Amino acid sequence: MDLTTFIMTLLGLQLICLFVGSKSAKETKTQEDYFLAGKQIRFFR
């Protein structure tokens, strides 16, 4: 694979992950949402 193509693909994937992460981070309201993504762990309760 060409080095330029590899770097551009890697940067593109990072931008996609950054976009998806920032959209999902806007929906977190509590600390539980942040760490557990709104899920409950019944093992500890």
PDB file of N, CA and C in Angstrom:
ATOM      1  N   MET A   1       0.838  -1.169   0.000  1.00  0.00           N
ATOM      2  CA  MET A   1       0.000   0.000   0.000  1.00  0.00           C
ATOM      3  C   MET A   1       0.889   1.242   0.000  1.00  0.00           C
ATOM      4  N   ASP A   2       0.454   2.200  -0.722  1.00  0.00           N
ATOM      5  CA  ASP A   2       1.175   3.466  -0.798  1.00  0.00           C
ATOM      6  C   ASP A   2       1.089   4.188   0.546  1.00  0.00           C
ATOM      7  N   LEU A   3       2.160   4.814   0.959  1.00  0.00           N
ATOM      8  CA  LEU A   3       2.211   5.499   2.252  1.00  0.00           C
ATOM      9  C   LEU A   3       1.199   6.641   2.320  1.00  0.00           C
ATOM     10  N   THR A   4       1.049   7.373   1.245  1.00  0.00           N
ATOM     11  CA  THR A   4       0.098   8.483   1.222  1.00  0.00           C
ATOM     12  C   THR A   4      -1.333   7.978   1.382  1.00  0.00           C
ATOM     13  N   THR A   5      -1.670   6.901   0.704  1.00  0.00           N
ATOM     14  CA  THR A   5      -3.000   6.317   0.820  1.00  0.00           C
ATOM     15  C   THR A   5      -3.248   5.822   2.237  1.00  0.00           C
ATOM     16  N   PHE A   6      -2.260   5.203   2.834  1.00  0.00           N
ATOM     17  CA  PHE A   6      -2.384   4.702   4.199  1.00  0.00           C
ATOM     18  C   PHE A   6      -2.636   5.842   5.181  1.00  0.00           C
ATOM     19  N   ILE A   7      -1.872   6.913   5.065  1.00  0.00           N
ATOM     20  CA  ILE A   7      -2.022   8.046   5.984  1.00  0.00           C
ATOM     21  C   ILE A   7      -3.375   8.720   5.787  1.00  0.00           C
ATOM     22  N   MET A   8      -3.804   8.889   4.555  1.00  0.00           N
ATOM     23  CA  MET A   8      -5.104   9.513   4.295  1.00  0.00           C
ATOM     24  C   MET A   8      -6.246   8.649   4.821  1.00  0.00           C
ATOM     25  N   THR A   9      -6.146   7.335   4.657  1.00  0.00           N
ATOM     26  CA  THR A   9      -7.166   6.428   5.182  1.00  0.00           C
ATOM     27  C   THR A   9      -7.198   6.477   6.700  1.00  0.00           C
ATOM     28  N   LEU A  10      -6.041   6.480   7.323  1.00  0.00           N
ATOM     29  CA  LEU A  10      -5.954   6.545   8.776  1.00  0.00           C
ATOM     30  C   LEU A  10      -6.543   7.853   9.306  1.00  0.00           C
ATOM     31  N   LEU A  11      -6.229   8.955   8.676  1.00  0.00           N
ATOM     32  CA  LEU A  11      -6.787  10.243   9.088  1.00  0.00           C
ATOM     33  C   LEU A  11      -8.300  10.292   8.878  1.00  0.00           C
ATOM     34  N   GLY A  12      -8.762   9.699   7.793  1.00  0.00           N
ATOM     35  CA  GLY A  12     -10.200   9.650   7.541  1.00  0.00           C
ATOM     36  C   GLY A  12     -10.939   8.868   8.612  1.00  0.00           C
ATOM     37  N   LEU A  13     -10.382   7.727   9.001  1.00  0.00           N
ATOM     38  CA  LEU A  13     -10.999   6.931  10.063  1.00  0.00           C
ATOM     39  C   LEU A  13     -10.984   7.669  11.396  1.00  0.00           C
ATOM     40  N   GLN A  14      -9.921   8.386  11.673  1.00  0.00           N
ATOM     41  CA  GLN A  14      -9.850   9.157  12.912  1.00  0.00           C
ATOM     42  C   GLN A  14     -10.889  10.272  12.925  1.00  0.00           C
ATOM     43  N   LEU A  15     -11.096  10.918  11.794  1.00  0.00           N
ATOM     44  CA  LEU A  15     -12.108  11.973  11.728  1.00  0.00           C
ATOM     45  C   LEU A  15     -13.512  11.413  11.916  1.00  0.00           C
ATOM     46  N   ILE A  16     -13.768  10.239  11.345  1.00  0.00           N
ATOM     47  CA  ILE A  16     -15.072   9.600  11.527  1.00  0.00           C
ATOM     48  C   ILE A  16     -15.292   9.256  12.995  1.00  0.00           C
ATOM     49  N   CYS A  17     -14.278   8.686  13.642  1.00  0.00           N
ATOM     50  CA  CYS A  17     -14.390   8.340  15.066  1.00  0.00           C
ATOM     51  C   CYS A  17     -14.570   9.586  15.922  1.00  0.00           C
ATOM     52  N   LEU A  18     -13.885  10.648  15.587  1.00  0.00           N
ATOM     53  CA  LEU A  18     -14.026  11.899  16.328  1.00  0.00           C
ATOM     54  C   LEU A  18     -15.433  12.464  16.182  1.00  0.00           C
ATOM     55  N   PHE A  19     -15.984  12.403  14.987  1.00  0.00           N
ATOM     56  CA  PHE A  19     -17.336  12.898  14.739  1.00  0.00           C
ATOM     57  C   PHE A  19     -18.372  12.080  15.501  1.00  0.00           C
ATOM     58  N   VAL A  20     -18.270  10.755  15.425  1.00  0.00           N
ATOM     59  CA  VAL A  20     -19.221   9.885  16.123  1.00  0.00           C
ATOM     60  C   VAL A  20     -19.090  10.053  17.635  1.00  0.00           C
ATOM     61  N   GLY A  21     -17.873  10.154  18.120  1.00  0.00           N
ATOM     62  CA  GLY A  21     -17.652  10.338  19.551  1.00  0.00           C
ATOM     63  C   GLY A  21     -18.194  11.655  20.068  1.00  0.00           C
ATOM     64  N   SER A  22     -18.028  12.713  19.308  1.00  0.00           N
ATOM     65  CA  SER A  22     -18.535  14.010  19.756  1.00  0.00           C
ATOM     66  C   SER A  22     -20.058  14.045  19.737  1.00  0.00           C
ATOM     67  N   LYS A  23     -20.676  13.365  18.775  1.00  0.00           N
ATOM     68  CA  LYS A  23     -22.138  13.305  18.745  1.00  0.00           C
ATOM     69  C   LYS A  23     -22.675  12.514  19.925  1.00  0.00           C
ATOM     70  N   SER A  24     -22.038  11.407  20.261  1.00  0.00           N
ATOM     71  CA  SER A  24     -22.526  10.603  21.381  1.00  0.00           C
ATOM     72  C   SER A  24     -22.201  11.256  22.716  1.00  0.00           C
ATOM     73  N   ALA A  25     -21.148  12.046  22.790  1.00  0.00           N
ATOM     74  CA  ALA A  25     -20.795  12.722  24.043  1.00  0.00           C
ATOM     75  C   ALA A  25     -21.792  13.824  24.379  1.00  0.00           C
ATOM     76  N   LYS A  26     -22.446  14.377  23.390  1.00  0.00           N
ATOM     77  CA  LYS A  26     -23.438  15.415  23.652  1.00  0.00           C
ATOM     78  C   LYS A  26     -24.663  14.855  24.367  1.00  0.00           C
ATOM     79  N   GLU A  27     -24.909  13.556  24.245  1.00  0.00           N
ATOM     80  CA  GLU A  27     -26.093  12.944  24.838  1.00  0.00           C
ATOM     81  C   GLU A  27     -25.873  12.483  26.272  1.00  0.00           C
ATOM     82  N   THR A  28     -24.653  12.522  26.782  1.00  0.00           N
ATOM     83  CA  THR A  28     -24.406  12.094  28.153  1.00  0.00           C
ATOM     84  C   THR A  28     -24.809  13.206  29.112  1.00  0.00           C
ATOM     85  N   LYS A  29     -25.525  12.823  30.151  1.00  0.00           N
ATOM     86  CA  LYS A  29     -26.015  13.815  31.099  1.00  0.00           C
ATOM     87  C   LYS A  29     -25.487  13.569  32.508  1.00  0.00           C
ATOM     88  N   THR A  30     -25.341  12.313  32.885  1.00  0.00           N
ATOM     89  CA  THR A  30     -24.872  12.002  34.236  1.00  0.00           C
ATOM     90  C   THR A  30     -23.535  11.281  34.154  1.00  0.00           C
ATOM     91  N   GLN A  31     -22.937  11.084  35.311  1.00  0.00           N
ATOM     92  CA  GLN A  31     -21.663  10.366  35.356  1.00  0.00           C
ATOM     93  C   GLN A  31     -21.857   8.904  34.955  1.00  0.00           C
ATOM     94  N   GLU A  32     -23.022   8.335  35.276  1.00  0.00           N
ATOM     95  CA  GLU A  32     -23.311   6.952  34.890  1.00  0.00           C
ATOM     96  C   GLU A  32     -23.418   6.832  33.375  1.00  0.00           C
ATOM     97  N   ASP A  33     -24.004   7.820  32.735  1.00  0.00           N
ATOM     98  CA  ASP A  33     -24.066   7.820  31.271  1.00  0.00           C
ATOM     99  C   ASP A  33     -22.669   7.856  30.669  1.00  0.00           C
ATOM    100  N   TYR A  34     -21.792   8.623  31.289  1.00  0.00           N
ATOM    101  CA  TYR A  34     -20.438   8.762  30.759  1.00  0.00           C
ATOM    102  C   TYR A  34     -19.666   7.452  30.848  1.00  0.00           C
ATOM    103  N   PHE A  35     -19.712   6.791  32.002  1.00  0.00           N
ATOM    104  CA  PHE A  35     -18.901   5.595  32.190  1.00  0.00           C
ATOM    105  C   PHE A  35     -19.564   4.324  31.672  1.00  0.00           C
ATOM    106  N   LEU A  36     -20.896   4.241  31.746  1.00  0.00           N
ATOM    107  CA  LEU A  36     -21.578   3.000  31.390  1.00  0.00           C
ATOM    108  C   LEU A  36     -22.458   3.131  30.157  1.00  0.00           C
ATOM    109  N   ALA A  37     -22.471   4.282  29.545  1.00  0.00           N
ATOM    110  CA  ALA A  37     -23.285   4.541  28.349  1.00  0.00           C
ATOM    111  C   ALA A  37     -24.756   4.266  28.623  1.00  0.00           C
ATOM    112  N   GLY A  38     -25.199   4.589  29.853  1.00  0.00           N
ATOM    113  CA  GLY A  38     -26.599   4.425  30.206  1.00  0.00           C
ATOM    114  C   GLY A  38     -26.989   3.020  30.615  1.00  0.00           C
ATOM    115  N   LYS A  39     -26.064   2.092  30.604  1.00  0.00           N
ATOM    116  CA  LYS A  39     -26.362   0.708  30.981  1.00  0.00           C
ATOM    117  C   LYS A  39     -26.250   0.553  32.492  1.00  0.00           C
ATOM    118  N   GLN A  40     -26.941  -0.427  33.030  1.00  0.00           N
ATOM    119  CA  GLN A  40     -26.845  -0.724  34.454  1.00  0.00           C
ATOM    120  C   GLN A  40     -26.130  -2.052  34.630  1.00  0.00           C
ATOM    121  N   ILE A  41     -25.271  -2.106  35.627  1.00  0.00           N
ATOM    122  CA  ILE A  41     -24.565  -3.347  35.934  1.00  0.00           C
ATOM    123  C   ILE A  41     -25.249  -3.966  37.142  1.00  0.00           C
ATOM    124  N   ARG A  42     -25.951  -5.058  36.940  1.00  0.00           N
ATOM    125  CA  ARG A  42     -26.705  -5.687  38.019  1.00  0.00           C
ATOM    126  C   ARG A  42     -25.807  -6.514  38.930  1.00  0.00           C
ATOM    127  N   PHE A  43     -24.621  -6.846  38.495  1.00  0.00           N
ATOM    128  CA  PHE A  43     -23.709  -7.659  39.296  1.00  0.00           C
ATOM    129  C   PHE A  43     -23.316  -6.940  40.583  1.00  0.00           C
ATOM    130  N   PHE A  44     -23.127  -5.646  40.503  1.00  0.00           N
ATOM    131  CA  PHE A  44     -22.672  -4.870  41.650  1.00  0.00           C
ATOM    132  C   PHE A  44     -23.817  -4.338  42.508  1.00  0.00           C
ATOM    133  N   ARG A  45     -25.045  -4.481  42.069  1.00  0.00           N
ATOM    134  CA  ARG A  45     -26.186  -3.919  42.816  1.00  0.00           C
ATOM    135  C   ARG A  45     -26.985  -4.976  43.484  1.00  0.00           C
TER     136      ARG A  45
END
